[in-house]
N, C-alpha and C. Protein backbone atom coordinates (compact mmCIF):
# COMPACT_ATOMS: atom_id res chain seq x y z
N MET A 1 0.85 -1.19 0.00
CA MET A 1 0.00 0.00 0.00
C MET A 1 0.88 1.24 0.00
N ASN A 2 0.50 2.25 -0.80
CA ASN A 2 1.26 3.49 -0.86
C ASN A 2 1.14 4.26 0.45
N GLN A 3 2.12 5.14 0.68
CA GLN A 3 2.13 5.91 1.92
C GLN A 3 0.96 6.89 1.99
N LEU A 4 0.52 7.40 0.82
CA LEU A 4 -0.59 8.34 0.78
C LEU A 4 -1.86 7.62 0.37
N VAL A 5 -2.93 7.89 1.11
CA VAL A 5 -4.25 7.33 0.82
C VAL A 5 -5.21 8.49 0.58
N LEU A 6 -5.89 8.46 -0.53
CA LEU A 6 -6.88 9.49 -0.85
C LEU A 6 -8.26 8.98 -0.47
N ALA A 7 -8.89 9.65 0.49
CA ALA A 7 -10.22 9.26 0.95
C ALA A 7 -11.27 10.03 0.14
N SER A 8 -11.33 9.73 -1.15
CA SER A 8 -12.22 10.47 -2.03
C SER A 8 -12.49 9.68 -3.30
N ARG A 9 -13.71 9.82 -3.82
CA ARG A 9 -14.05 9.24 -5.12
C ARG A 9 -13.78 10.21 -6.26
N SER A 10 -13.38 11.42 -5.94
CA SER A 10 -13.24 12.47 -6.94
C SER A 10 -12.23 12.09 -8.02
N GLN A 11 -12.73 11.96 -9.26
CA GLN A 11 -11.85 11.67 -10.39
C GLN A 11 -10.89 12.83 -10.64
N THR A 12 -11.35 14.05 -10.40
CA THR A 12 -10.49 15.22 -10.62
C THR A 12 -9.32 15.21 -9.65
N ARG A 13 -9.58 14.95 -8.38
CA ARG A 13 -8.48 14.91 -7.41
C ARG A 13 -7.51 13.78 -7.74
N GLN A 14 -8.03 12.66 -8.17
CA GLN A 14 -7.16 11.54 -8.56
C GLN A 14 -6.29 11.92 -9.75
N ARG A 15 -6.88 12.60 -10.75
CA ARG A 15 -6.11 13.04 -11.92
C ARG A 15 -5.02 14.03 -11.54
N LEU A 16 -5.35 14.97 -10.63
CA LEU A 16 -4.36 15.95 -10.22
C LEU A 16 -3.16 15.29 -9.56
N LEU A 17 -3.42 14.37 -8.65
CA LEU A 17 -2.32 13.68 -7.97
C LEU A 17 -1.50 12.84 -8.94
N THR A 18 -2.18 12.13 -9.82
CA THR A 18 -1.49 11.29 -10.80
C THR A 18 -0.63 12.14 -11.73
N SER A 19 -1.18 13.26 -12.21
CA SER A 19 -0.44 14.14 -13.11
C SER A 19 0.80 14.72 -12.43
N ALA A 20 0.73 14.90 -11.12
CA ALA A 20 1.87 15.44 -10.37
C ALA A 20 2.88 14.36 -10.00
N GLY A 21 2.62 13.12 -10.39
CA GLY A 21 3.56 12.05 -10.12
C GLY A 21 3.50 11.50 -8.71
N VAL A 22 2.38 11.67 -8.05
CA VAL A 22 2.23 11.19 -6.67
C VAL A 22 1.61 9.79 -6.68
N ALA A 23 2.28 8.86 -6.01
CA ALA A 23 1.74 7.51 -5.85
C ALA A 23 0.77 7.51 -4.67
N PHE A 24 -0.41 6.94 -4.87
CA PHE A 24 -1.41 6.93 -3.81
C PHE A 24 -2.39 5.80 -4.06
N ASP A 25 -3.10 5.43 -3.00
CA ASP A 25 -4.20 4.49 -3.09
C ASP A 25 -5.50 5.26 -2.86
N VAL A 26 -6.57 4.76 -3.41
CA VAL A 26 -7.88 5.38 -3.25
C VAL A 26 -8.74 4.49 -2.38
N LEU A 27 -9.19 5.03 -1.26
CA LEU A 27 -10.13 4.35 -0.37
C LEU A 27 -11.25 5.32 -0.07
N PRO A 28 -12.25 5.41 -0.96
CA PRO A 28 -13.32 6.39 -0.76
C PRO A 28 -14.17 6.07 0.45
N VAL A 29 -14.77 7.11 0.98
CA VAL A 29 -15.64 6.98 2.14
C VAL A 29 -17.01 7.55 1.79
N GLN A 30 -17.97 7.23 2.62
CA GLN A 30 -19.33 7.72 2.42
C GLN A 30 -19.77 8.46 3.68
N ILE A 31 -19.96 9.75 3.56
CA ILE A 31 -20.52 10.50 4.68
C ILE A 31 -21.70 11.33 4.16
N ASP A 32 -22.60 11.64 5.06
CA ASP A 32 -23.77 12.43 4.70
C ASP A 32 -23.39 13.91 4.80
N GLU A 33 -22.88 14.45 3.69
CA GLU A 33 -22.39 15.83 3.71
C GLU A 33 -23.48 16.84 3.99
N THR A 34 -24.68 16.58 3.50
CA THR A 34 -25.79 17.51 3.72
C THR A 34 -26.08 17.65 5.20
N SER A 35 -26.13 16.52 5.91
CA SER A 35 -26.41 16.55 7.36
C SER A 35 -25.29 17.26 8.11
N VAL A 36 -24.05 16.98 7.71
CA VAL A 36 -22.90 17.61 8.38
C VAL A 36 -22.97 19.13 8.20
N LYS A 37 -23.29 19.57 6.97
CA LYS A 37 -23.38 21.01 6.71
C LYS A 37 -24.51 21.65 7.52
N GLN A 38 -25.65 20.97 7.58
CA GLN A 38 -26.77 21.51 8.35
C GLN A 38 -26.41 21.63 9.82
N SER A 39 -25.79 20.60 10.37
CA SER A 39 -25.37 20.64 11.78
C SER A 39 -24.34 21.73 12.02
N ALA A 40 -23.40 21.86 11.08
CA ALA A 40 -22.35 22.87 11.22
C ALA A 40 -22.95 24.27 11.25
N ARG A 41 -23.90 24.52 10.37
CA ARG A 41 -24.53 25.84 10.34
C ARG A 41 -25.32 26.10 11.61
N GLN A 42 -26.01 25.06 12.11
CA GLN A 42 -26.76 25.21 13.37
C GLN A 42 -25.82 25.50 14.53
N ASP A 43 -24.60 24.93 14.45
CA ASP A 43 -23.62 25.14 15.51
C ASP A 43 -22.84 26.44 15.34
N GLY A 44 -23.16 27.19 14.28
CA GLY A 44 -22.52 28.48 14.08
C GLY A 44 -21.18 28.43 13.37
N LEU A 45 -20.84 27.29 12.76
CA LEU A 45 -19.57 27.20 12.03
C LEU A 45 -19.69 27.96 10.71
N ASP A 46 -18.63 28.66 10.34
CA ASP A 46 -18.64 29.34 9.05
C ASP A 46 -18.26 28.36 7.95
N VAL A 47 -18.25 28.84 6.72
CA VAL A 47 -18.04 27.96 5.59
C VAL A 47 -16.63 27.35 5.60
N THR A 48 -15.63 28.10 6.04
CA THR A 48 -14.26 27.57 6.09
C THR A 48 -14.15 26.45 7.11
N ALA A 49 -14.67 26.67 8.29
CA ALA A 49 -14.62 25.63 9.33
C ALA A 49 -15.39 24.39 8.89
N THR A 50 -16.49 24.58 8.18
CA THR A 50 -17.29 23.46 7.73
C THR A 50 -16.56 22.65 6.66
N ALA A 51 -15.90 23.33 5.73
CA ALA A 51 -15.13 22.62 4.70
C ALA A 51 -13.99 21.82 5.34
N LEU A 52 -13.33 22.41 6.33
CA LEU A 52 -12.27 21.68 7.06
C LEU A 52 -12.84 20.48 7.79
N LEU A 53 -13.99 20.66 8.42
CA LEU A 53 -14.64 19.57 9.15
C LEU A 53 -14.95 18.42 8.21
N LEU A 54 -15.52 18.71 7.06
CA LEU A 54 -15.87 17.66 6.10
C LEU A 54 -14.62 16.95 5.59
N ALA A 55 -13.56 17.71 5.30
CA ALA A 55 -12.31 17.10 4.84
C ALA A 55 -11.75 16.16 5.90
N GLU A 56 -11.79 16.62 7.16
CA GLU A 56 -11.26 15.78 8.24
C GLU A 56 -12.11 14.54 8.46
N LEU A 57 -13.42 14.69 8.40
CA LEU A 57 -14.29 13.53 8.58
C LEU A 57 -14.01 12.46 7.54
N LYS A 58 -13.75 12.87 6.32
CA LYS A 58 -13.43 11.91 5.27
C LYS A 58 -12.13 11.17 5.58
N ALA A 59 -11.12 11.92 6.01
CA ALA A 59 -9.83 11.29 6.32
C ALA A 59 -9.91 10.40 7.55
N VAL A 60 -10.66 10.83 8.55
CA VAL A 60 -10.76 10.06 9.80
C VAL A 60 -11.42 8.71 9.57
N GLN A 61 -12.29 8.63 8.57
CA GLN A 61 -12.97 7.36 8.27
C GLN A 61 -11.96 6.26 7.94
N ARG A 62 -10.75 6.64 7.57
CA ARG A 62 -9.73 5.67 7.17
C ARG A 62 -8.62 5.55 8.21
N ILE A 63 -8.96 5.74 9.49
CA ILE A 63 -7.95 5.63 10.55
C ILE A 63 -7.31 4.25 10.56
N GLY A 64 -8.02 3.23 10.11
CA GLY A 64 -7.48 1.88 10.07
C GLY A 64 -6.31 1.72 9.14
N CYS A 65 -5.91 2.78 8.46
CA CYS A 65 -4.78 2.72 7.53
C CYS A 65 -3.45 2.85 8.27
N ASP A 66 -3.44 2.49 9.54
CA ASP A 66 -2.21 2.48 10.35
C ASP A 66 -1.50 3.82 10.29
N ASP A 67 -0.26 3.80 9.80
CA ASP A 67 0.54 5.02 9.84
C ASP A 67 0.57 5.74 8.50
N HIS A 68 -0.33 5.41 7.62
CA HIS A 68 -0.38 6.07 6.32
C HIS A 68 -0.87 7.51 6.47
N LEU A 69 -0.55 8.30 5.48
CA LEU A 69 -1.06 9.66 5.40
C LEU A 69 -2.38 9.60 4.65
N VAL A 70 -3.47 9.94 5.33
CA VAL A 70 -4.81 9.85 4.73
C VAL A 70 -5.29 11.25 4.41
N LEU A 71 -5.53 11.48 3.12
CA LEU A 71 -5.91 12.80 2.63
C LEU A 71 -7.42 12.88 2.41
N GLY A 72 -8.04 13.82 3.10
CA GLY A 72 -9.45 14.14 2.87
C GLY A 72 -9.55 15.55 2.34
N ALA A 73 -10.50 15.80 1.45
CA ALA A 73 -10.65 17.13 0.87
C ALA A 73 -12.13 17.44 0.68
N ASP A 74 -12.44 18.71 0.71
CA ASP A 74 -13.82 19.13 0.46
C ASP A 74 -13.81 20.54 -0.10
N GLN A 75 -14.89 20.85 -0.81
CA GLN A 75 -15.03 22.17 -1.39
C GLN A 75 -16.49 22.61 -1.25
N ILE A 76 -16.67 23.83 -0.78
CA ILE A 76 -18.00 24.41 -0.67
C ILE A 76 -18.03 25.70 -1.48
N LEU A 77 -19.00 25.81 -2.35
CA LEU A 77 -19.20 27.05 -3.09
C LEU A 77 -20.10 27.94 -2.25
N GLU A 78 -19.67 29.19 -2.05
CA GLU A 78 -20.43 30.14 -1.24
C GLU A 78 -20.66 31.40 -2.07
N CYS A 79 -21.92 31.77 -2.18
CA CYS A 79 -22.29 32.98 -2.92
C CYS A 79 -23.28 33.79 -2.10
N ASP A 80 -22.85 34.95 -1.65
CA ASP A 80 -23.71 35.84 -0.86
C ASP A 80 -24.35 35.12 0.32
N GLY A 81 -23.57 34.29 1.00
CA GLY A 81 -24.06 33.60 2.19
C GLY A 81 -24.72 32.27 1.94
N ALA A 82 -25.06 31.96 0.70
CA ALA A 82 -25.68 30.67 0.37
C ALA A 82 -24.60 29.65 0.04
N TRP A 83 -24.77 28.43 0.52
CA TRP A 83 -23.84 27.34 0.25
C TRP A 83 -24.45 26.43 -0.81
N PHE A 84 -23.63 26.03 -1.77
CA PHE A 84 -24.10 25.19 -2.86
C PHE A 84 -23.48 23.80 -2.78
N ASP A 85 -24.30 22.77 -2.97
CA ASP A 85 -23.83 21.40 -3.11
C ASP A 85 -23.76 21.06 -4.59
N LYS A 86 -23.23 19.88 -4.91
CA LYS A 86 -23.30 19.40 -6.29
C LYS A 86 -24.77 19.26 -6.68
N PRO A 87 -25.13 19.66 -7.88
CA PRO A 87 -26.53 19.53 -8.29
C PRO A 87 -26.91 18.05 -8.41
N ALA A 88 -28.15 17.76 -8.05
CA ALA A 88 -28.64 16.38 -8.10
C ALA A 88 -29.07 15.97 -9.50
N ASP A 89 -29.47 16.94 -10.32
CA ASP A 89 -29.94 16.64 -11.66
C ASP A 89 -29.79 17.87 -12.54
N ARG A 90 -30.17 17.74 -13.81
CA ARG A 90 -30.01 18.84 -14.76
C ARG A 90 -30.81 20.07 -14.33
N ALA A 91 -32.01 19.86 -13.83
CA ALA A 91 -32.84 20.99 -13.42
C ALA A 91 -32.17 21.79 -12.30
N GLU A 92 -31.57 21.08 -11.35
CA GLU A 92 -30.89 21.77 -10.26
C GLU A 92 -29.62 22.45 -10.76
N ALA A 93 -28.92 21.81 -11.69
CA ALA A 93 -27.73 22.45 -12.28
C ALA A 93 -28.11 23.75 -12.97
N ARG A 94 -29.21 23.73 -13.70
CA ARG A 94 -29.70 24.94 -14.37
C ARG A 94 -30.02 26.03 -13.34
N LYS A 95 -30.69 25.64 -12.27
CA LYS A 95 -31.05 26.60 -11.22
C LYS A 95 -29.79 27.21 -10.60
N HIS A 96 -28.79 26.36 -10.30
CA HIS A 96 -27.54 26.86 -9.72
C HIS A 96 -26.88 27.87 -10.65
N LEU A 97 -26.78 27.51 -11.93
CA LEU A 97 -26.10 28.39 -12.87
C LEU A 97 -26.84 29.71 -13.07
N LEU A 98 -28.16 29.65 -13.06
CA LEU A 98 -28.93 30.89 -13.16
C LEU A 98 -28.72 31.77 -11.93
N THR A 99 -28.60 31.15 -10.78
CA THR A 99 -28.33 31.90 -9.54
C THR A 99 -26.95 32.55 -9.59
N LEU A 100 -25.98 31.84 -10.15
CA LEU A 100 -24.60 32.33 -10.19
C LEU A 100 -24.34 33.30 -11.34
N ARG A 101 -25.22 33.33 -12.32
CA ARG A 101 -25.02 34.15 -13.53
C ARG A 101 -24.82 35.62 -13.17
N GLY A 102 -23.73 36.18 -13.66
CA GLY A 102 -23.43 37.59 -13.43
C GLY A 102 -22.97 37.92 -12.02
N ARG A 103 -22.68 36.89 -11.22
CA ARG A 103 -22.31 37.12 -9.82
C ARG A 103 -20.94 36.51 -9.51
N THR A 104 -20.39 36.93 -8.39
CA THR A 104 -19.10 36.44 -7.93
C THR A 104 -19.31 35.50 -6.76
N HIS A 105 -18.57 34.38 -6.75
CA HIS A 105 -18.67 33.43 -5.64
C HIS A 105 -17.28 32.97 -5.20
N ARG A 106 -17.25 32.35 -4.05
CA ARG A 106 -16.00 31.81 -3.49
C ARG A 106 -16.07 30.29 -3.50
N LEU A 107 -14.92 29.67 -3.75
CA LEU A 107 -14.80 28.22 -3.67
C LEU A 107 -13.88 27.89 -2.50
N VAL A 108 -14.48 27.59 -1.36
CA VAL A 108 -13.70 27.31 -0.16
C VAL A 108 -13.22 25.86 -0.25
N THR A 109 -11.92 25.69 -0.47
CA THR A 109 -11.33 24.39 -0.75
C THR A 109 -10.41 24.01 0.41
N ALA A 110 -10.76 22.91 1.07
CA ALA A 110 -10.02 22.47 2.26
C ALA A 110 -9.44 21.08 2.03
N ALA A 111 -8.25 20.88 2.56
CA ALA A 111 -7.62 19.56 2.54
C ALA A 111 -7.00 19.30 3.91
N VAL A 112 -7.12 18.06 4.36
CA VAL A 112 -6.61 17.65 5.67
C VAL A 112 -5.91 16.31 5.50
N ILE A 113 -4.80 16.15 6.20
CA ILE A 113 -4.13 14.83 6.25
C ILE A 113 -4.13 14.35 7.68
N ILE A 114 -4.61 13.13 7.85
CA ILE A 114 -4.64 12.46 9.15
C ILE A 114 -3.60 11.35 9.14
N GLN A 115 -2.85 11.24 10.22
CA GLN A 115 -1.91 10.13 10.38
C GLN A 115 -2.01 9.63 11.80
N GLY A 116 -2.26 8.34 11.93
CA GLY A 116 -2.38 7.76 13.27
C GLY A 116 -3.46 8.40 14.11
N GLY A 117 -4.53 8.86 13.46
CA GLY A 117 -5.65 9.46 14.18
C GLY A 117 -5.50 10.93 14.49
N ALA A 118 -4.36 11.53 14.12
CA ALA A 118 -4.13 12.95 14.41
C ALA A 118 -4.00 13.75 13.11
N ARG A 119 -4.47 14.97 13.14
CA ARG A 119 -4.32 15.86 11.99
C ARG A 119 -2.88 16.35 11.95
N VAL A 120 -2.18 16.04 10.85
CA VAL A 120 -0.77 16.43 10.72
C VAL A 120 -0.58 17.56 9.71
N TRP A 121 -1.61 17.83 8.92
CA TRP A 121 -1.52 18.90 7.93
C TRP A 121 -2.91 19.34 7.53
N GLN A 122 -3.05 20.63 7.26
CA GLN A 122 -4.29 21.14 6.72
C GLN A 122 -4.00 22.38 5.90
N HIS A 123 -4.87 22.63 4.95
CA HIS A 123 -4.72 23.84 4.14
C HIS A 123 -6.10 24.23 3.61
N VAL A 124 -6.37 25.53 3.63
CA VAL A 124 -7.60 26.06 3.05
C VAL A 124 -7.20 27.15 2.05
N ASP A 125 -7.80 27.06 0.88
CA ASP A 125 -7.60 28.09 -0.14
C ASP A 125 -8.98 28.55 -0.61
N VAL A 126 -9.09 29.84 -0.94
CA VAL A 126 -10.39 30.39 -1.30
C VAL A 126 -10.29 31.18 -2.61
N PRO A 127 -10.27 30.50 -3.74
CA PRO A 127 -10.32 31.22 -5.01
C PRO A 127 -11.69 31.87 -5.21
N VAL A 128 -11.68 32.90 -6.03
CA VAL A 128 -12.90 33.68 -6.29
C VAL A 128 -13.18 33.65 -7.79
N VAL A 129 -14.42 33.33 -8.15
CA VAL A 129 -14.81 33.19 -9.55
C VAL A 129 -16.02 34.10 -9.82
N THR A 130 -15.95 34.82 -10.92
CA THR A 130 -17.10 35.60 -11.39
C THR A 130 -17.65 34.93 -12.64
N ILE A 131 -18.93 34.63 -12.60
CA ILE A 131 -19.61 34.02 -13.75
C ILE A 131 -20.15 35.14 -14.63
N ARG A 132 -19.93 35.01 -15.92
CA ARG A 132 -20.39 36.06 -16.84
C ARG A 132 -21.91 36.03 -16.99
N ALA A 133 -22.45 37.08 -17.53
CA ALA A 133 -23.90 37.18 -17.73
C ALA A 133 -24.26 36.49 -19.04
N PHE A 134 -24.16 35.17 -19.06
CA PHE A 134 -24.41 34.38 -20.26
C PHE A 134 -25.90 34.39 -20.63
N SER A 135 -26.17 34.07 -21.88
CA SER A 135 -27.56 34.06 -22.37
C SER A 135 -28.25 32.74 -22.01
N ASP A 136 -29.55 32.74 -22.05
CA ASP A 136 -30.31 31.50 -21.84
C ASP A 136 -29.96 30.49 -22.93
N ARG A 137 -29.75 30.98 -24.14
CA ARG A 137 -29.39 30.09 -25.25
C ARG A 137 -28.07 29.38 -24.96
N PHE A 138 -27.09 30.15 -24.46
CA PHE A 138 -25.81 29.53 -24.10
C PHE A 138 -26.01 28.48 -23.01
N LEU A 139 -26.82 28.79 -22.02
CA LEU A 139 -27.04 27.86 -20.91
C LEU A 139 -27.62 26.55 -21.42
N ASP A 140 -28.60 26.62 -22.31
CA ASP A 140 -29.17 25.39 -22.88
C ASP A 140 -28.11 24.59 -23.63
N TRP A 141 -27.31 25.28 -24.43
CA TRP A 141 -26.23 24.61 -25.16
C TRP A 141 -25.24 23.97 -24.20
N TYR A 142 -24.85 24.71 -23.18
CA TYR A 142 -23.88 24.21 -22.20
C TYR A 142 -24.41 22.94 -21.51
N LEU A 143 -25.65 22.99 -21.05
CA LEU A 143 -26.23 21.84 -20.35
C LEU A 143 -26.37 20.64 -21.30
N ASP A 144 -26.76 20.89 -22.53
CA ASP A 144 -26.87 19.80 -23.51
C ASP A 144 -25.50 19.18 -23.79
N THR A 145 -24.50 20.02 -23.96
CA THR A 145 -23.16 19.55 -24.30
C THR A 145 -22.52 18.81 -23.14
N MET A 146 -22.69 19.31 -21.95
CA MET A 146 -22.06 18.71 -20.77
C MET A 146 -22.76 17.43 -20.33
N GLY A 147 -24.06 17.36 -20.50
CA GLY A 147 -24.79 16.18 -20.05
C GLY A 147 -24.62 15.96 -18.55
N ALA A 148 -24.35 14.70 -18.17
CA ALA A 148 -24.20 14.37 -16.75
C ALA A 148 -22.96 14.99 -16.14
N GLY A 149 -22.07 15.53 -16.96
CA GLY A 149 -20.85 16.16 -16.43
C GLY A 149 -21.11 17.33 -15.52
N VAL A 150 -22.29 17.96 -15.65
CA VAL A 150 -22.59 19.10 -14.78
C VAL A 150 -22.88 18.67 -13.35
N LEU A 151 -23.08 17.38 -13.12
CA LEU A 151 -23.44 16.90 -11.79
C LEU A 151 -22.21 16.58 -10.94
N GLY A 152 -21.02 16.67 -11.52
CA GLY A 152 -19.83 16.21 -10.82
C GLY A 152 -19.12 17.21 -9.94
N SER A 153 -19.60 18.46 -9.93
CA SER A 153 -18.90 19.44 -9.10
C SER A 153 -19.87 20.53 -8.65
N VAL A 154 -19.49 21.19 -7.55
CA VAL A 154 -20.28 22.33 -7.10
C VAL A 154 -20.20 23.41 -8.17
N GLY A 155 -21.29 24.12 -8.37
CA GLY A 155 -21.31 25.14 -9.40
C GLY A 155 -21.67 24.61 -10.77
N ALA A 156 -21.72 23.28 -10.91
CA ALA A 156 -22.08 22.63 -12.18
C ALA A 156 -21.11 22.98 -13.30
N TYR A 157 -19.82 23.18 -12.94
CA TYR A 157 -18.82 23.45 -13.97
C TYR A 157 -17.47 22.86 -13.57
N GLN A 158 -16.66 22.59 -14.57
CA GLN A 158 -15.27 22.23 -14.38
C GLN A 158 -14.43 23.26 -15.12
N VAL A 159 -13.62 23.98 -14.39
CA VAL A 159 -12.83 25.07 -14.98
C VAL A 159 -11.81 24.52 -15.96
N GLU A 160 -11.45 23.25 -15.86
CA GLU A 160 -10.47 22.67 -16.77
C GLU A 160 -11.08 22.23 -18.09
N GLY A 161 -12.37 22.48 -18.26
CA GLY A 161 -13.06 22.09 -19.49
C GLY A 161 -14.00 23.18 -19.97
N LEU A 162 -15.15 22.76 -20.44
CA LEU A 162 -16.13 23.66 -21.03
C LEU A 162 -16.64 24.71 -20.04
N GLY A 163 -16.56 24.40 -18.75
CA GLY A 163 -17.00 25.35 -17.73
C GLY A 163 -16.26 26.67 -17.79
N LEU A 164 -15.07 26.66 -18.40
CA LEU A 164 -14.30 27.89 -18.53
C LEU A 164 -15.07 28.94 -19.32
N GLN A 165 -15.96 28.50 -20.20
CA GLN A 165 -16.75 29.45 -20.97
C GLN A 165 -17.78 30.21 -20.12
N LEU A 166 -18.02 29.74 -18.92
CA LEU A 166 -18.93 30.43 -18.01
C LEU A 166 -18.24 31.60 -17.30
N MET A 167 -16.91 31.62 -17.32
CA MET A 167 -16.16 32.54 -16.47
C MET A 167 -15.98 33.91 -17.09
N ALA A 168 -16.15 34.94 -16.24
CA ALA A 168 -15.77 36.30 -16.61
C ALA A 168 -14.42 36.64 -16.00
N GLU A 169 -14.18 36.11 -14.78
CA GLU A 169 -12.92 36.39 -14.09
C GLU A 169 -12.65 35.26 -13.09
N VAL A 170 -11.38 34.91 -12.98
CA VAL A 170 -10.94 33.90 -12.02
C VAL A 170 -9.78 34.48 -11.23
N ARG A 171 -9.90 34.49 -9.91
CA ARG A 171 -8.82 34.96 -9.05
C ARG A 171 -8.46 33.85 -8.08
N GLY A 172 -7.23 33.38 -8.19
CA GLY A 172 -6.79 32.33 -7.28
C GLY A 172 -6.21 31.14 -8.01
N ASP A 173 -5.90 30.15 -7.24
CA ASP A 173 -5.19 28.96 -7.71
C ASP A 173 -6.13 28.04 -8.48
N MET A 174 -5.74 27.69 -9.71
CA MET A 174 -6.58 26.83 -10.55
C MET A 174 -6.76 25.43 -9.95
N PHE A 175 -5.71 24.91 -9.32
CA PHE A 175 -5.83 23.58 -8.71
C PHE A 175 -6.87 23.59 -7.59
N SER A 176 -6.88 24.66 -6.82
CA SER A 176 -7.88 24.77 -5.76
C SER A 176 -9.29 24.89 -6.33
N ILE A 177 -9.42 25.60 -7.44
CA ILE A 177 -10.73 25.67 -8.10
C ILE A 177 -11.17 24.29 -8.51
N MET A 178 -10.22 23.44 -8.92
CA MET A 178 -10.52 22.08 -9.32
C MET A 178 -10.77 21.14 -8.13
N GLY A 179 -10.50 21.63 -6.91
CA GLY A 179 -10.86 20.87 -5.72
C GLY A 179 -9.73 20.39 -4.84
N LEU A 180 -8.48 20.80 -5.13
CA LEU A 180 -7.37 20.35 -4.30
C LEU A 180 -6.26 21.39 -4.31
N PRO A 181 -5.85 21.90 -3.14
CA PRO A 181 -4.73 22.85 -3.09
C PRO A 181 -3.41 22.09 -3.30
N LEU A 182 -3.12 21.81 -4.56
CA LEU A 182 -2.08 20.85 -4.91
C LEU A 182 -0.67 21.31 -4.55
N LEU A 183 -0.34 22.57 -4.79
CA LEU A 183 1.03 23.02 -4.53
C LEU A 183 1.40 22.97 -3.05
N PRO A 184 0.56 23.47 -2.13
CA PRO A 184 0.89 23.30 -0.70
C PRO A 184 0.93 21.83 -0.30
N LEU A 185 0.05 21.02 -0.88
CA LEU A 185 0.07 19.59 -0.58
C LEU A 185 1.39 18.96 -1.01
N LEU A 186 1.87 19.30 -2.19
CA LEU A 186 3.15 18.75 -2.66
C LEU A 186 4.30 19.18 -1.76
N ASP A 187 4.27 20.42 -1.26
CA ASP A 187 5.30 20.86 -0.31
C ASP A 187 5.32 19.94 0.91
N PHE A 188 4.14 19.66 1.46
CA PHE A 188 4.06 18.78 2.64
C PHE A 188 4.55 17.37 2.30
N LEU A 189 4.15 16.85 1.16
CA LEU A 189 4.55 15.49 0.78
C LEU A 189 6.06 15.40 0.56
N ARG A 190 6.67 16.48 0.07
CA ARG A 190 8.13 16.50 -0.05
C ARG A 190 8.79 16.48 1.33
N GLU A 191 8.23 17.25 2.27
CA GLU A 191 8.78 17.26 3.63
C GLU A 191 8.75 15.87 4.24
N ARG A 192 7.70 15.10 3.93
CA ARG A 192 7.54 13.76 4.49
C ARG A 192 8.21 12.67 3.66
N GLY A 193 8.85 13.06 2.56
CA GLY A 193 9.56 12.07 1.74
C GLY A 193 8.65 11.22 0.87
N VAL A 194 7.41 11.64 0.71
CA VAL A 194 6.48 10.88 -0.14
C VAL A 194 6.80 11.10 -1.62
N VAL A 195 7.22 12.32 -1.95
CA VAL A 195 7.71 12.63 -3.30
C VAL A 195 9.10 13.25 -3.16
N PRO A 196 9.93 13.13 -4.19
CA PRO A 196 11.32 13.65 -4.07
C PRO A 196 11.35 15.16 -3.84
N ALA A 197 12.29 15.58 -3.01
CA ALA A 197 12.45 17.01 -2.71
C ALA A 197 13.31 17.67 -3.77
């Protein structure tokens, strides 16, 4: 088993790690993110603390991985105080995109590494994205072209693909927009000897 374990089903996070030459195993977990977010909001946690909590909960689920480094990650889209989950279907994706049209939102991206039951590393990055005032015709074309691909991420877009056409402005780290603060993570993995320094 590799020293790094990714506690996520995210194909994008897996691609990012693979492209960076990081050896890892995938052991996805199942948690009820909606319930965790609702409880966090009731407890007064802000969006950053909630994203960190979700990332840690994912990593903690794999404590049985002995002394491995278990990476959990989460991303919450926040726009004017509203938190967005991945859309459940095309209709919800359309609703999300209409809500975001012409507005600026934050992508609170958190990553946590657990080792031996303790948090040994964490990082939060908050890129900011402005969605252009696209036409209804464009939206229909986008949803038709993307198909089920709009269901795979918060905001119903992937900045590394066709979702880039939705953007008016992007401020921040592209890897974090894709769901993983890769450069700080690589620094930590180099310190631990997981990848060459």
